[in-house]
Amino acid sequence: MVTALVSFALKLFLFYYLMDISPRTPNIATGQVWPLNNHGYIVYITRSQNIVQYVLFYAFIALGLAAGGLNIRWNAIKNKYHETP
């Protein structure tokens, strides 16, 4: 679960970092031609930056589902409301 949250936090950090430093128009010379859209505010990033964004997002989903599945199987996170007296 912690790794899923770390992946999500890194994705958010990278997203907002790229929104600050990337150009608003495509720059073919530097390879910044992949659009990154934030509610109509579009900046352009490189292909490798785009891939990292997707990998972090899908890692968050996969790790979160894995953590949930493992918790169902071994009940690692205790829930006091499911305990019977």
C-alpha atoms as a PDB file:
ATOM      1  CA  MET A   1       0.000   0.000   0.000  1.00  0.00           C
ATOM      2  CA  VAL A   2       2.839   2.360   0.817  1.00  0.00           C
ATOM      3  CA  THR A   3       4.479   1.792  -2.562  1.00  0.00           C
ATOM      4  CA  ALA A   4       1.180   2.588  -4.302  1.00  0.00           C
ATOM      5  CA  LEU A   5       0.897   5.855  -2.395  1.00  0.00           C
ATOM      6  CA  VAL A   6       4.528   6.727  -3.136  1.00  0.00           C
ATOM      7  CA  SER A   7       3.902   6.065  -6.837  1.00  0.00           C
ATOM      8  CA  PHE A   8       0.844   8.332  -6.772  1.00  0.00           C
ATOM      9  CA  ALA A   9       2.716  11.082  -4.907  1.00  0.00           C
ATOM     10  CA  LEU A  10       5.598  10.935  -7.403  1.00  0.00           C
ATOM     11  CA  LYS A  11       3.167  11.133 -10.309  1.00  0.00           C
ATOM     12  CA  LEU A  12       1.472  14.195  -8.835  1.00  0.00           C
ATOM     13  CA  PHE A  13       4.804  15.859  -8.089  1.00  0.00           C
ATOM     14  CA  LEU A  14       6.082  15.170 -11.619  1.00  0.00           C
ATOM     15  CA  PHE A  15       2.816  16.346 -13.174  1.00  0.00           C
ATOM     16  CA  TYR A  16       2.862  19.728 -11.450  1.00  0.00           C
ATOM     17  CA  TYR A  17       6.613  20.086 -11.958  1.00  0.00           C
ATOM     18  CA  LEU A  18       6.204  19.514 -15.690  1.00  0.00           C
ATOM     19  CA  MET A  19       3.292  21.969 -15.786  1.00  0.00           C
ATOM     20  CA  ASP A  20       5.650  24.635 -14.403  1.00  0.00           C
ATOM     21  CA  ILE A  21       8.729  24.059 -16.565  1.00  0.00           C
ATOM     22  CA  SER A  22       7.340  22.900 -19.931  1.00  0.00           C
ATOM     23  CA  PRO A  23       6.583  25.207 -22.873  1.00  0.00           C
ATOM     24  CA  ARG A  24       3.027  26.087 -23.909  1.00  0.00           C
ATOM     25  CA  THR A  25       3.815  25.546 -27.591  1.00  0.00           C
ATOM     26  CA  PRO A  26       5.392  22.430 -29.145  1.00  0.00           C
ATOM     27  CA  ASN A  27       9.163  22.583 -29.503  1.00  0.00           C
ATOM     28  CA  ILE A  28      10.297  20.122 -32.172  1.00  0.00           C
ATOM     29  CA  ALA A  29      13.997  20.864 -31.611  1.00  0.00           C
ATOM     30  CA  THR A  30      13.886  19.602 -28.008  1.00  0.00           C
ATOM     31  CA  GLY A  31      11.298  16.878 -28.652  1.00  0.00           C
ATOM     32  CA  GLN A  32       8.645  18.498 -26.484  1.00  0.00           C
ATOM     33  CA  VAL A  33       5.721  17.616 -28.721  1.00  0.00           C
ATOM     34  CA  TRP A  34       3.560  15.419 -26.437  1.00  0.00           C
ATOM     35  CA  PRO A  35       0.635  17.421 -24.978  1.00  0.00           C
ATOM     36  CA  LEU A  36      -0.017  17.345 -21.243  1.00  0.00           C
ATOM     37  CA  ASN A  37      -3.474  18.748 -20.519  1.00  0.00           C
ATOM     38  CA  ASN A  38      -4.649  20.118 -17.177  1.00  0.00           C
ATOM     39  CA  HIS A  39      -8.259  21.282 -17.670  1.00  0.00           C
ATOM     40  CA  GLY A  40      -7.440  23.186 -20.841  1.00  0.00           C
ATOM     41  CA  TYR A  41      -3.980  24.399 -19.769  1.00  0.00           C
ATOM     42  CA  ILE A  42      -1.765  22.520 -22.233  1.00  0.00           C
ATOM     43  CA  VAL A  43       2.001  22.189 -22.031  1.00  0.00           C
ATOM     44  CA  TYR A  44       4.257  20.020 -24.162  1.00  0.00           C
ATOM     45  CA  ILE A  45       6.597  17.370 -22.774  1.00  0.00           C
ATOM     46  CA  THR A  46       9.035  14.837 -24.232  1.00  0.00           C
ATOM     47  CA  ARG A  47       8.146  11.232 -25.025  1.00  0.00           C
ATOM     48  CA  SER A  48      10.172   9.876 -22.087  1.00  0.00           C
ATOM     49  CA  GLN A  49       8.444  12.263 -19.669  1.00  0.00           C
ATOM     50  CA  ASN A  50       5.097  11.089 -21.046  1.00  0.00           C
ATOM     51  CA  ILE A  51       6.050   7.427 -20.564  1.00  0.00           C
ATOM     52  CA  VAL A  52       7.110   8.064 -16.961  1.00  0.00           C
ATOM     53  CA  GLN A  53       3.739   9.703 -16.286  1.00  0.00           C
ATOM     54  CA  TYR A  54       1.862   6.652 -17.567  1.00  0.00           C
ATOM     55  CA  VAL A  55       4.124   4.135 -15.807  1.00  0.00           C
ATOM     56  CA  LEU A  56       3.671   5.860 -12.448  1.00  0.00           C
ATOM     57  CA  PHE A  57      -0.107   6.031 -12.881  1.00  0.00           C
ATOM     58  CA  TYR A  58      -0.495   2.374 -13.870  1.00  0.00           C
ATOM     59  CA  ALA A  59       1.952   1.311 -11.137  1.00  0.00           C
ATOM     60  CA  PHE A  60      -0.279   3.101  -8.626  1.00  0.00           C
ATOM     61  CA  ILE A  61      -3.323   1.192  -9.862  1.00  0.00           C
ATOM     62  CA  ALA A  62      -1.557  -2.190 -10.000  1.00  0.00           C
ATOM     63  CA  LEU A  63       0.110  -1.812  -6.605  1.00  0.00           C
ATOM     64  CA  GLY A  64      -3.114  -0.581  -5.000  1.00  0.00           C
ATOM     65  CA  LEU A  65      -5.077  -3.541  -6.358  1.00  0.00           C
ATOM     66  CA  ALA A  66      -2.322  -5.929  -5.277  1.00  0.00           C
ATOM     67  CA  ALA A  67      -2.302  -4.453  -1.777  1.00  0.00           C
ATOM     68  CA  GLY A  68      -6.095  -4.722  -1.565  1.00  0.00           C
ATOM     69  CA  GLY A  69      -6.027  -8.308  -2.767  1.00  0.00           C
ATOM     70  CA  LEU A  70      -3.307  -9.279  -0.317  1.00  0.00           C
ATOM     71  CA  ASN A  71      -5.186  -7.604   2.499  1.00  0.00           C
ATOM     72  CA  ILE A  72      -8.334  -9.564   1.664  1.00  0.00           C
ATOM     73  CA  ARG A  73      -6.319 -12.794   1.586  1.00  0.00           C
ATOM     74  CA  TRP A  74      -4.269 -12.333   4.782  1.00  0.00           C
ATOM     75  CA  ASN A  75      -6.176  -9.539   6.583  1.00  0.00           C
ATOM     76  CA  ALA A  76      -2.997  -7.575   7.209  1.00  0.00           C
ATOM     77  CA  ILE A  77      -4.803  -4.326   7.997  1.00  0.00           C
ATOM     78  CA  LYS A  78      -6.928  -4.964  11.062  1.00  0.00           C
ATOM     79  CA  ASN A  79     -10.425  -3.500  11.160  1.00  0.00           C
ATOM     80  CA  LYS A  80     -11.792  -3.166  14.691  1.00  0.00           C
ATOM     81  CA  TYR A  81     -15.385  -3.146  13.428  1.00  0.00           C
ATOM     82  CA  HIS A  82     -15.099  -6.682  12.011  1.00  0.00           C
ATOM     83  CA  GLU A  83     -13.928  -8.159  15.288  1.00  0.00           C
ATOM     84  CA  THR A  84     -16.497 -10.192  17.178  1.00  0.00           C
ATOM     85  CA  PRO A  85     -16.421  -9.956  21.003  1.00  0.00           C
END
